[in-house]
Amino acid sequence: MGSQETKEVMERYLNGHDPGAVAPDAEFTVMGTGQRARGRVEIEGLLEFFYHRAFQATAEAKNLVIEGDRAILEADFVGRHVGDFGDLKASGKSVRVPLCVAYELRQGKIRTAHVYFETDSLRKQIGVG
């Protein structure tokens, strides 16, 4: 898979989370906790929880680096903390948290994503720890 095809898939995915860009057997892993979501349904559930239930947030892309069948997204996770997130009770506070995701694609679909989310930064912004 070439860089141009990877770019096209990533743009479709990042501009609306196109479920067709994700392989049916894909796996997303939150690296700080080890939490895994397998398959499109679980992955959509994870993203729904993260962006709409625990937070009302979006990812503001800063950099997207593509090489062959791999992509790295550097972004800021920006929004409000509106629901419980692990041991963190909803604070209602605005947050801007560094986020990085490393993607691997195969046959024109996202196969894996390793999500790096700066929870220490989040905790400081909401006044915990």
Protein backbone atom coordinates (compact mmCIF):
# COMPACT_ATOMS: atom_id res chain seq x y z
CA MET A 1 0.00 0.00 0.00
CA GLY A 2 1.44 3.34 -0.98
CA SER A 3 1.55 6.58 0.92
CA GLN A 4 -1.06 8.22 -1.35
CA GLU A 5 -3.63 5.47 -0.69
CA THR A 6 -2.87 5.65 3.05
CA LYS A 7 -3.38 9.43 2.93
CA GLU A 8 -6.76 9.03 1.23
CA VAL A 9 -7.94 6.45 3.79
CA MET A 10 -6.74 8.57 6.71
CA GLU A 11 -8.44 11.69 5.37
CA ARG A 12 -11.74 9.79 5.04
CA TYR A 13 -11.36 8.45 8.55
CA LEU A 14 -10.26 11.67 10.24
CA ASN A 15 -12.91 13.78 8.51
CA GLY A 16 -15.91 12.02 9.99
CA HIS A 17 -14.64 8.68 11.33
CA ASP A 18 -15.72 6.82 8.17
CA PRO A 19 -16.35 3.29 9.51
CA GLY A 20 -15.51 1.89 6.06
CA ALA A 21 -11.93 3.04 6.55
CA VAL A 22 -11.53 0.61 9.47
CA ALA A 23 -10.97 -3.12 8.88
CA PRO A 24 -13.74 -5.34 10.29
CA ASP A 25 -11.19 -7.04 12.57
CA ALA A 26 -9.23 -3.88 13.51
CA GLU A 27 -7.91 -3.35 17.02
CA PHE A 28 -7.45 -0.02 18.81
CA THR A 29 -5.36 0.02 21.99
CA VAL A 30 -5.16 2.81 24.56
CA MET A 31 -1.50 2.44 25.44
CA GLY A 32 -1.62 4.02 28.91
CA THR A 33 -4.27 1.62 30.20
CA GLY A 34 -4.04 -1.37 27.89
CA GLN A 35 -7.74 -1.03 27.07
CA ARG A 36 -8.53 -2.67 23.73
CA ALA A 37 -11.42 -2.34 21.33
CA ARG A 38 -11.68 -5.05 18.67
CA GLY A 39 -13.83 -4.79 15.57
CA ARG A 40 -15.79 -1.86 14.20
CA VAL A 41 -18.61 -2.01 16.77
CA GLU A 42 -16.29 -1.93 19.79
CA ILE A 43 -14.10 0.74 18.21
CA GLU A 44 -17.10 2.97 17.46
CA GLY A 45 -18.25 2.42 21.07
CA LEU A 46 -14.84 3.44 22.40
CA LEU A 47 -14.80 6.58 20.27
CA GLU A 48 -18.41 7.44 21.20
CA PHE A 49 -17.57 7.13 24.90
CA PHE A 50 -14.36 9.13 24.61
CA TYR A 51 -15.62 11.98 22.40
CA HIS A 52 -19.28 12.25 23.42
CA ARG A 53 -19.99 10.73 26.85
CA ALA A 54 -16.89 11.27 29.02
CA PHE A 55 -16.05 14.41 27.07
CA GLN A 56 -17.71 16.66 24.55
CA ALA A 57 -14.58 16.96 22.45
CA THR A 58 -12.85 16.91 19.11
CA ALA A 59 -9.32 16.17 17.99
CA GLU A 60 -7.59 19.18 16.46
CA ALA A 61 -4.95 17.75 14.14
CA LYS A 62 -1.53 19.35 14.31
CA ASN A 63 0.50 16.89 12.23
CA LEU A 64 -0.22 13.84 10.12
CA VAL A 65 2.82 11.91 9.01
CA ILE A 66 2.38 9.14 6.45
CA GLU A 67 4.91 6.63 5.22
CA GLY A 68 3.76 3.62 3.22
CA ASP A 69 1.05 1.81 5.19
CA ARG A 70 1.61 3.71 8.45
CA ALA A 71 0.33 7.03 9.74
CA ILE A 72 1.00 9.05 12.87
CA LEU A 73 -1.47 11.70 14.02
CA GLU A 74 -0.41 14.36 16.50
CA ALA A 75 -3.39 16.32 17.81
CA ASP A 76 -4.89 18.21 20.71
CA PHE A 77 -7.95 16.64 22.30
CA VAL A 78 -10.11 19.71 22.97
CA GLY A 79 -13.42 19.96 24.78
CA ARG A 80 -15.20 19.65 28.12
CA HIS A 81 -15.04 16.85 30.69
CA VAL A 82 -18.75 16.00 31.05
CA GLY A 83 -18.83 12.37 32.24
CA ASP A 84 -16.89 9.95 34.38
CA PHE A 85 -13.58 8.87 32.86
CA GLY A 86 -12.00 6.02 34.81
CA ASP A 87 -11.60 7.30 38.36
CA LEU A 88 -12.16 10.91 37.28
CA LYS A 89 -15.66 12.18 38.02
CA ALA A 90 -17.16 14.67 35.56
CA SER A 91 -15.66 18.09 36.28
CA GLY A 92 -17.33 20.24 33.61
CA LYS A 93 -13.92 21.79 32.96
CA SER A 94 -12.49 22.63 29.56
CA VAL A 95 -9.49 20.56 28.54
CA ARG A 96 -6.79 20.60 25.89
CA VAL A 97 -4.83 17.37 26.09
CA PRO A 98 -1.99 16.17 23.84
CA LEU A 99 -2.99 13.11 21.80
CA CYS A 100 -1.00 10.92 19.45
CA VAL A 101 -2.24 7.91 17.48
CA ALA A 102 -0.07 5.50 15.50
CA TYR A 103 -2.02 3.70 12.76
CA GLU A 104 -1.13 0.67 10.66
CA LEU A 105 -3.13 0.00 7.50
CA ARG A 106 -3.46 -3.10 5.36
CA GLN A 107 -5.34 -3.51 2.09
CA GLY A 108 -6.73 0.02 2.25
CA LYS A 109 -8.13 -0.26 5.80
CA ILE A 110 -6.96 0.79 9.25
CA ARG A 111 -5.88 -2.42 10.99
CA THR A 112 -4.42 -1.15 14.28
CA ALA A 113 -4.28 2.08 16.22
CA HIS A 114 -2.13 2.74 19.28
CA VAL A 115 -3.57 5.69 21.18
CA TYR A 116 -1.34 7.80 23.42
CA PHE A 117 -3.36 10.21 25.60
CA GLU A 118 -1.64 12.45 28.18
CA THR A 119 -3.69 11.62 31.30
CA ASP A 120 -1.28 13.55 33.55
CA SER A 121 -2.07 16.68 31.58
CA LEU A 122 -5.80 15.92 31.83
CA ARG A 123 -5.58 15.41 35.60
CA LYS A 124 -3.81 18.75 36.08
CA GLN A 125 -6.35 20.60 33.95
CA ILE A 126 -9.32 19.28 35.91
CA GLY A 127 -7.58 19.81 39.25
CA VAL A 128 -6.80 16.22 40.25
CA GLY A 129 -3.30 15.13 41.27
